[in-house]
Amino acid sequence: MSIHSEFRSPLSLRGLLARTGAAAAAFYKAYRGRRALCTLIEADERMLHDIGVTRDDVRWALDTRLPQDPSAYLRLRAVTRRAEERARARKAVADGAAASEDGQSAKTDACC
């Protein structure tokens, strides 16, 4: 037996155990997230709207492969949707403010 093999085997066994443990933990986390989403699929539309997702979002998240956590995908989808809604609301407020300013300037020009 060489010195190289004696030195390498405990490190590779330790690394193998660490990788196996990490994979098992990721698998368990994905399994728990999948079970939680299965309960969401049965929720009514109002509850899903309060959370900020749709039933299609939940189905989309459940279509992910098993080692991946579907709840992370659903969270990403909800955050993206909220950001889009905020951007639309800001644009609507800005457009409304610009339109009211145009109306105010037209009234003041007409008065003078």
N, C-alpha and C. Protein backbone atom coordinates (compact mmCIF):
# COMPACT_ATOMS: atom_id res chain seq x y z
N MET A 1 0.84 -1.16 0.00
CA MET A 1 0.00 0.00 0.00
C MET A 1 0.90 1.24 0.00
N SER A 2 0.59 2.17 -0.85
CA SER A 2 1.43 3.36 -0.95
C SER A 2 0.93 4.44 0.02
N ILE A 3 1.75 5.39 0.25
CA ILE A 3 1.39 6.51 1.13
C ILE A 3 0.26 7.31 0.51
N HIS A 4 0.26 7.42 -0.82
CA HIS A 4 -0.75 8.19 -1.52
C HIS A 4 -2.15 7.59 -1.29
N SER A 5 -2.30 6.28 -1.39
CA SER A 5 -3.61 5.67 -1.21
C SER A 5 -4.07 5.75 0.24
N GLU A 6 -3.17 5.65 1.19
CA GLU A 6 -3.56 5.78 2.59
C GLU A 6 -4.02 7.20 2.90
N PHE A 7 -3.38 8.16 2.29
CA PHE A 7 -3.73 9.56 2.55
C PHE A 7 -5.04 9.92 1.85
N ARG A 8 -5.28 9.37 0.71
CA ARG A 8 -6.42 9.76 -0.10
C ARG A 8 -7.71 9.11 0.36
N SER A 9 -7.69 7.91 0.84
CA SER A 9 -8.94 7.20 1.11
C SER A 9 -9.79 7.84 2.20
N PRO A 10 -9.25 8.31 3.35
CA PRO A 10 -10.14 8.95 4.32
C PRO A 10 -10.75 10.25 3.80
N LEU A 11 -9.98 11.00 3.02
CA LEU A 11 -10.51 12.24 2.48
C LEU A 11 -11.61 11.98 1.48
N SER A 12 -11.45 11.02 0.62
CA SER A 12 -12.48 10.75 -0.37
C SER A 12 -13.71 10.12 0.27
N LEU A 13 -13.52 9.30 1.30
CA LEU A 13 -14.66 8.74 2.01
C LEU A 13 -15.42 9.86 2.72
N ARG A 14 -14.71 10.76 3.35
CA ARG A 14 -15.33 11.90 4.02
C ARG A 14 -16.08 12.76 3.00
N GLY A 15 -15.46 12.99 1.86
CA GLY A 15 -16.11 13.78 0.81
C GLY A 15 -17.34 13.09 0.27
N LEU A 16 -17.24 11.78 0.08
CA LEU A 16 -18.39 11.01 -0.40
C LEU A 16 -19.54 11.08 0.59
N LEU A 17 -19.24 10.94 1.85
CA LEU A 17 -20.29 11.02 2.87
C LEU A 17 -20.91 12.41 2.93
N ALA A 18 -20.09 13.42 2.78
CA ALA A 18 -20.60 14.79 2.79
C ALA A 18 -21.51 15.04 1.59
N ARG A 19 -21.09 14.59 0.42
CA ARG A 19 -21.92 14.78 -0.78
C ARG A 19 -23.21 13.98 -0.68
N THR A 20 -23.13 12.77 -0.15
CA THR A 20 -24.33 11.94 0.00
C THR A 20 -25.29 12.58 0.98
N GLY A 21 -24.77 13.10 2.08
CA GLY A 21 -25.62 13.79 3.06
C GLY A 21 -26.26 15.03 2.49
N ALA A 22 -25.51 15.79 1.71
CA ALA A 22 -26.06 17.00 1.09
C ALA A 22 -27.13 16.66 0.07
N ALA A 23 -26.91 15.60 -0.69
CA ALA A 23 -27.91 15.18 -1.67
C ALA A 23 -29.18 14.70 -0.98
N ALA A 24 -29.03 13.96 0.11
CA ALA A 24 -30.20 13.47 0.85
C ALA A 24 -30.97 14.64 1.45
N ALA A 25 -30.26 15.64 1.96
CA ALA A 25 -30.93 16.81 2.54
C ALA A 25 -31.68 17.59 1.46
N ALA A 26 -31.07 17.74 0.28
CA ALA A 26 -31.73 18.45 -0.82
C ALA A 26 -32.96 17.69 -1.29
N PHE A 27 -32.85 16.38 -1.36
CA PHE A 27 -33.98 15.55 -1.77
C PHE A 27 -35.13 15.69 -0.77
N TYR A 28 -34.81 15.67 0.52
CA TYR A 28 -35.84 15.79 1.55
C TYR A 28 -36.50 17.17 1.51
N LYS A 29 -35.71 18.21 1.30
CA LYS A 29 -36.26 19.56 1.21
C LYS A 29 -37.20 19.68 0.02
N ALA A 30 -36.80 19.11 -1.12
CA ALA A 30 -37.65 19.14 -2.31
C ALA A 30 -38.93 18.36 -2.07
N TYR A 31 -38.82 17.23 -1.38
CA TYR A 31 -40.00 16.41 -1.07
C TYR A 31 -40.97 17.20 -0.18
N ARG A 32 -40.45 17.87 0.84
CA ARG A 32 -41.31 18.67 1.73
C ARG A 32 -41.96 19.82 0.98
N GLY A 33 -41.21 20.49 0.12
CA GLY A 33 -41.78 21.58 -0.68
C GLY A 33 -42.85 21.08 -1.63
N ARG A 34 -42.63 19.93 -2.21
CA ARG A 34 -43.61 19.33 -3.12
C ARG A 34 -44.91 18.99 -2.38
N ARG A 35 -44.77 18.46 -1.17
CA ARG A 35 -45.97 18.13 -0.37
C ARG A 35 -46.74 19.39 0.00
N ALA A 36 -46.02 20.46 0.32
CA ALA A 36 -46.68 21.72 0.66
C ALA A 36 -47.43 22.28 -0.55
N LEU A 37 -46.83 22.17 -1.72
CA LEU A 37 -47.50 22.67 -2.92
C LEU A 37 -48.71 21.82 -3.29
N CYS A 38 -48.68 20.55 -2.95
CA CYS A 38 -49.84 19.70 -3.22
C CYS A 38 -51.04 20.16 -2.40
N THR A 39 -50.82 20.69 -1.22
CA THR A 39 -51.94 21.24 -0.45
C THR A 39 -52.40 22.56 -1.05
N LEU A 40 -51.48 23.32 -1.65
CA LEU A 40 -51.87 24.58 -2.29
C LEU A 40 -52.72 24.37 -3.53
N ILE A 41 -52.51 23.28 -4.22
CA ILE A 41 -53.26 23.04 -5.45
C ILE A 41 -54.75 22.86 -5.15
N GLU A 42 -55.05 22.48 -3.90
CA GLU A 42 -56.45 22.30 -3.51
C GLU A 42 -57.06 23.56 -2.91
N ALA A 43 -56.30 24.63 -2.78
CA ALA A 43 -56.80 25.88 -2.19
C ALA A 43 -57.72 26.59 -3.17
N ASP A 44 -58.59 27.44 -2.63
CA ASP A 44 -59.48 28.20 -3.50
C ASP A 44 -58.74 29.39 -4.12
N GLU A 45 -59.36 29.98 -5.14
CA GLU A 45 -58.71 31.04 -5.92
C GLU A 45 -58.41 32.27 -5.06
N ARG A 46 -59.28 32.58 -4.11
CA ARG A 46 -59.07 33.76 -3.27
C ARG A 46 -57.80 33.60 -2.42
N MET A 47 -57.63 32.41 -1.86
CA MET A 47 -56.44 32.17 -1.05
C MET A 47 -55.17 32.25 -1.90
N LEU A 48 -55.22 31.67 -3.09
CA LEU A 48 -54.06 31.74 -3.99
C LEU A 48 -53.76 33.19 -4.38
N HIS A 49 -54.82 33.97 -4.62
CA HIS A 49 -54.63 35.37 -4.97
C HIS A 49 -53.99 36.13 -3.80
N ASP A 50 -54.41 35.83 -2.58
CA ASP A 50 -53.81 36.47 -1.41
C ASP A 50 -52.32 36.16 -1.30
N ILE A 51 -51.95 34.95 -1.66
CA ILE A 51 -50.54 34.54 -1.62
C ILE A 51 -49.78 35.20 -2.77
N GLY A 52 -50.48 35.47 -3.87
CA GLY A 52 -49.84 36.11 -5.01
C GLY A 52 -49.49 35.15 -6.13
N VAL A 53 -50.16 34.00 -6.16
CA VAL A 53 -49.91 33.01 -7.20
C VAL A 53 -51.23 32.56 -7.81
N THR A 54 -51.13 31.89 -8.93
CA THR A 54 -52.30 31.28 -9.55
C THR A 54 -52.16 29.76 -9.50
N ARG A 55 -53.24 29.08 -9.81
CA ARG A 55 -53.19 27.62 -9.83
C ARG A 55 -52.21 27.13 -10.89
N ASP A 56 -52.13 27.85 -11.99
CA ASP A 56 -51.16 27.48 -13.03
C ASP A 56 -49.72 27.63 -12.54
N ASP A 57 -49.47 28.63 -11.70
CA ASP A 57 -48.13 28.79 -11.12
C ASP A 57 -47.77 27.59 -10.27
N VAL A 58 -48.74 27.12 -9.49
CA VAL A 58 -48.49 25.96 -8.62
C VAL A 58 -48.22 24.73 -9.48
N ARG A 59 -49.02 24.55 -10.52
CA ARG A 59 -48.79 23.40 -11.42
C ARG A 59 -47.43 23.50 -12.09
N TRP A 60 -47.05 24.71 -12.50
CA TRP A 60 -45.75 24.92 -13.14
C TRP A 60 -44.62 24.56 -12.19
N ALA A 61 -44.76 24.96 -10.94
CA ALA A 61 -43.72 24.64 -9.95
C ALA A 61 -43.65 23.14 -9.69
N LEU A 62 -44.79 22.47 -9.69
CA LEU A 62 -44.79 21.03 -9.45
C LEU A 62 -44.20 20.24 -10.61
N ASP A 63 -44.08 20.86 -11.77
CA ASP A 63 -43.49 20.19 -12.93
C ASP A 63 -41.96 20.12 -12.86
N THR A 64 -41.35 20.73 -11.86
CA THR A 64 -39.90 20.66 -11.74
C THR A 64 -39.47 19.25 -11.36
N ARG A 65 -38.22 18.94 -11.67
CA ARG A 65 -37.70 17.61 -11.35
C ARG A 65 -37.52 17.47 -9.84
N LEU A 66 -37.50 16.24 -9.37
CA LEU A 66 -37.52 15.98 -7.93
C LEU A 66 -36.34 16.53 -7.13
N PRO A 67 -35.11 16.51 -7.58
CA PRO A 67 -34.09 17.07 -6.68
C PRO A 67 -34.22 18.58 -6.49
N GLN A 68 -34.99 19.24 -7.33
CA GLN A 68 -35.14 20.69 -7.22
C GLN A 68 -36.35 21.01 -6.33
N ASP A 69 -36.23 22.07 -5.56
CA ASP A 69 -37.29 22.47 -4.64
C ASP A 69 -38.34 23.28 -5.41
N PRO A 70 -39.56 22.77 -5.57
CA PRO A 70 -40.57 23.49 -6.34
C PRO A 70 -41.06 24.76 -5.64
N SER A 71 -40.95 24.81 -4.32
CA SER A 71 -41.41 26.01 -3.62
C SER A 71 -40.52 27.21 -3.96
N ALA A 72 -39.26 26.98 -4.26
CA ALA A 72 -38.38 28.07 -4.68
C ALA A 72 -38.82 28.63 -6.02
N TYR A 73 -39.24 27.76 -6.94
CA TYR A 73 -39.73 28.22 -8.23
C TYR A 73 -41.03 29.00 -8.07
N LEU A 74 -41.91 28.53 -7.19
CA LEU A 74 -43.16 29.23 -6.96
C LEU A 74 -42.91 30.60 -6.33
N ARG A 75 -41.97 30.67 -5.41
CA ARG A 75 -41.61 31.94 -4.79
C ARG A 75 -41.08 32.91 -5.84
N LEU A 76 -40.23 32.42 -6.73
CA LEU A 76 -39.69 33.25 -7.80
C LEU A 76 -40.81 33.77 -8.70
N ARG A 77 -41.74 32.91 -9.03
CA ARG A 77 -42.86 33.30 -9.88
C ARG A 77 -43.71 34.37 -9.21
N ALA A 78 -43.97 34.21 -7.91
CA ALA A 78 -44.79 35.18 -7.17
C ALA A 78 -44.08 36.53 -7.07
N VAL A 79 -42.80 36.52 -6.79
CA VAL A 79 -42.04 37.77 -6.68
C VAL A 79 -41.99 38.48 -8.02
N THR A 80 -41.81 37.73 -9.09
CA THR A 80 -41.78 38.32 -10.43
C THR A 80 -43.13 38.95 -10.77
N ARG A 81 -44.22 38.26 -10.44
CA ARG A 81 -45.55 38.79 -10.72
C ARG A 81 -45.79 40.08 -9.93
N ARG A 82 -45.41 40.09 -8.65
CA ARG A 82 -45.59 41.30 -7.84
C ARG A 82 -44.78 42.47 -8.38
N ALA A 83 -43.58 42.20 -8.83
CA ALA A 83 -42.74 43.27 -9.40
C ALA A 83 -43.38 43.82 -10.67
N GLU A 84 -43.94 42.95 -11.50
CA GLU A 84 -44.60 43.41 -12.72
C GLU A 84 -45.83 44.25 -12.39
N GLU A 85 -46.61 43.82 -11.38
CA GLU A 85 -47.80 44.58 -10.99
C GLU A 85 -47.41 45.95 -10.43
N ARG A 86 -46.35 46.01 -9.64
CA ARG A 86 -45.89 47.30 -9.11
C ARG A 86 -45.43 48.22 -10.23
N ALA A 87 -44.73 47.66 -11.21
CA ALA A 87 -44.26 48.47 -12.34
C ALA A 87 -45.44 49.02 -13.13
N ARG A 88 -46.47 48.19 -13.34
CA ARG A 88 -47.67 48.67 -14.04
C ARG A 88 -48.37 49.76 -13.24
N ALA A 89 -48.46 49.58 -11.93
CA ALA A 89 -49.12 50.58 -11.08
C ALA A 89 -48.35 51.89 -11.11
N ARG A 90 -47.01 51.82 -11.03
CA ARG A 90 -46.21 53.05 -11.10
C ARG A 90 -46.39 53.76 -12.42
N LYS A 91 -46.45 52.97 -13.50
CA LYS A 91 -46.63 53.56 -14.82
C LYS A 91 -48.00 54.22 -14.93
N ALA A 92 -49.03 53.55 -14.37
CA ALA A 92 -50.37 54.12 -14.42
C ALA A 92 -50.44 55.42 -13.62
N VAL A 93 -49.78 55.45 -12.47
CA VAL A 93 -49.76 56.67 -11.66
C VAL A 93 -49.01 57.77 -12.40
N ALA A 94 -47.88 57.42 -12.98
CA ALA A 94 -47.09 58.41 -13.72
C ALA A 94 -47.86 58.92 -14.93
N ASP A 95 -48.54 58.03 -15.65
CA ASP A 95 -49.33 58.45 -16.80
C ASP A 95 -50.51 59.31 -16.37
N GLY A 96 -51.12 58.95 -15.24
CA GLY A 96 -52.23 59.75 -14.72
C GLY A 96 -51.77 61.12 -14.27
N ALA A 97 -50.61 61.19 -13.63
CA ALA A 97 -50.07 62.47 -13.19
C ALA A 97 -49.69 63.33 -14.39
N ALA A 98 -49.13 62.71 -15.41
CA ALA A 98 -48.75 63.46 -16.61
C ALA A 98 -50.00 63.97 -17.32
N ALA A 99 -51.04 63.15 -17.36
CA ALA A 99 -52.28 63.58 -18.01
C ALA A 99 -52.94 64.70 -17.24
N SER A 100 -52.92 64.63 -15.91
CA SER A 100 -53.54 65.70 -15.12
C SER A 100 -52.72 67.00 -15.22
N GLU A 101 -51.41 66.90 -15.32
CA GLU A 101 -50.58 68.09 -15.51
C GLU A 101 -50.87 68.73 -16.86
N ASP A 102 -51.07 67.91 -17.89
CA ASP A 102 -51.40 68.44 -19.21
C ASP A 102 -52.76 69.13 -19.16
N GLY A 103 -53.69 68.54 -18.44
CA GLY A 103 -55.02 69.15 -18.30
C GLY A 103 -54.95 70.45 -17.53
N GLN A 104 -54.15 70.55 -16.48
CA GLN A 104 -54.00 71.77 -15.69
C GLN A 104 -53.38 72.88 -16.53
N SER A 105 -52.36 72.54 -17.32
CA SER A 105 -51.71 73.57 -18.13
C SER A 105 -52.64 74.06 -19.23
N ALA A 106 -53.48 73.18 -19.76
CA ALA A 106 -54.42 73.58 -20.78
C ALA A 106 -55.48 74.51 -20.19
N LYS A 107 -55.92 74.25 -18.95
CA LYS A 107 -56.91 75.10 -18.29
C LYS A 107 -56.31 76.47 -17.99
N THR A 108 -55.09 76.51 -17.51
CA THR A 108 -54.48 77.81 -17.19
C THR A 108 -54.22 78.61 -18.45
N ASP A 109 -53.88 77.94 -19.56
CA ASP A 109 -53.66 78.66 -20.81
C ASP A 109 -55.00 79.23 -21.32
N ALA A 110 -56.07 78.47 -21.14
CA ALA A 110 -57.37 78.92 -21.62
C ALA A 110 -57.89 80.09 -20.81
N CYS A 111 -57.56 80.14 -19.55
CA CYS A 111 -58.06 81.19 -18.68
C CYS A 111 -57.38 82.52 -18.98
N CYS A 112 -56.16 82.51 -19.36
CA CYS A 112 -55.41 83.76 -19.50
C CYS A 112 -55.50 84.36 -20.83
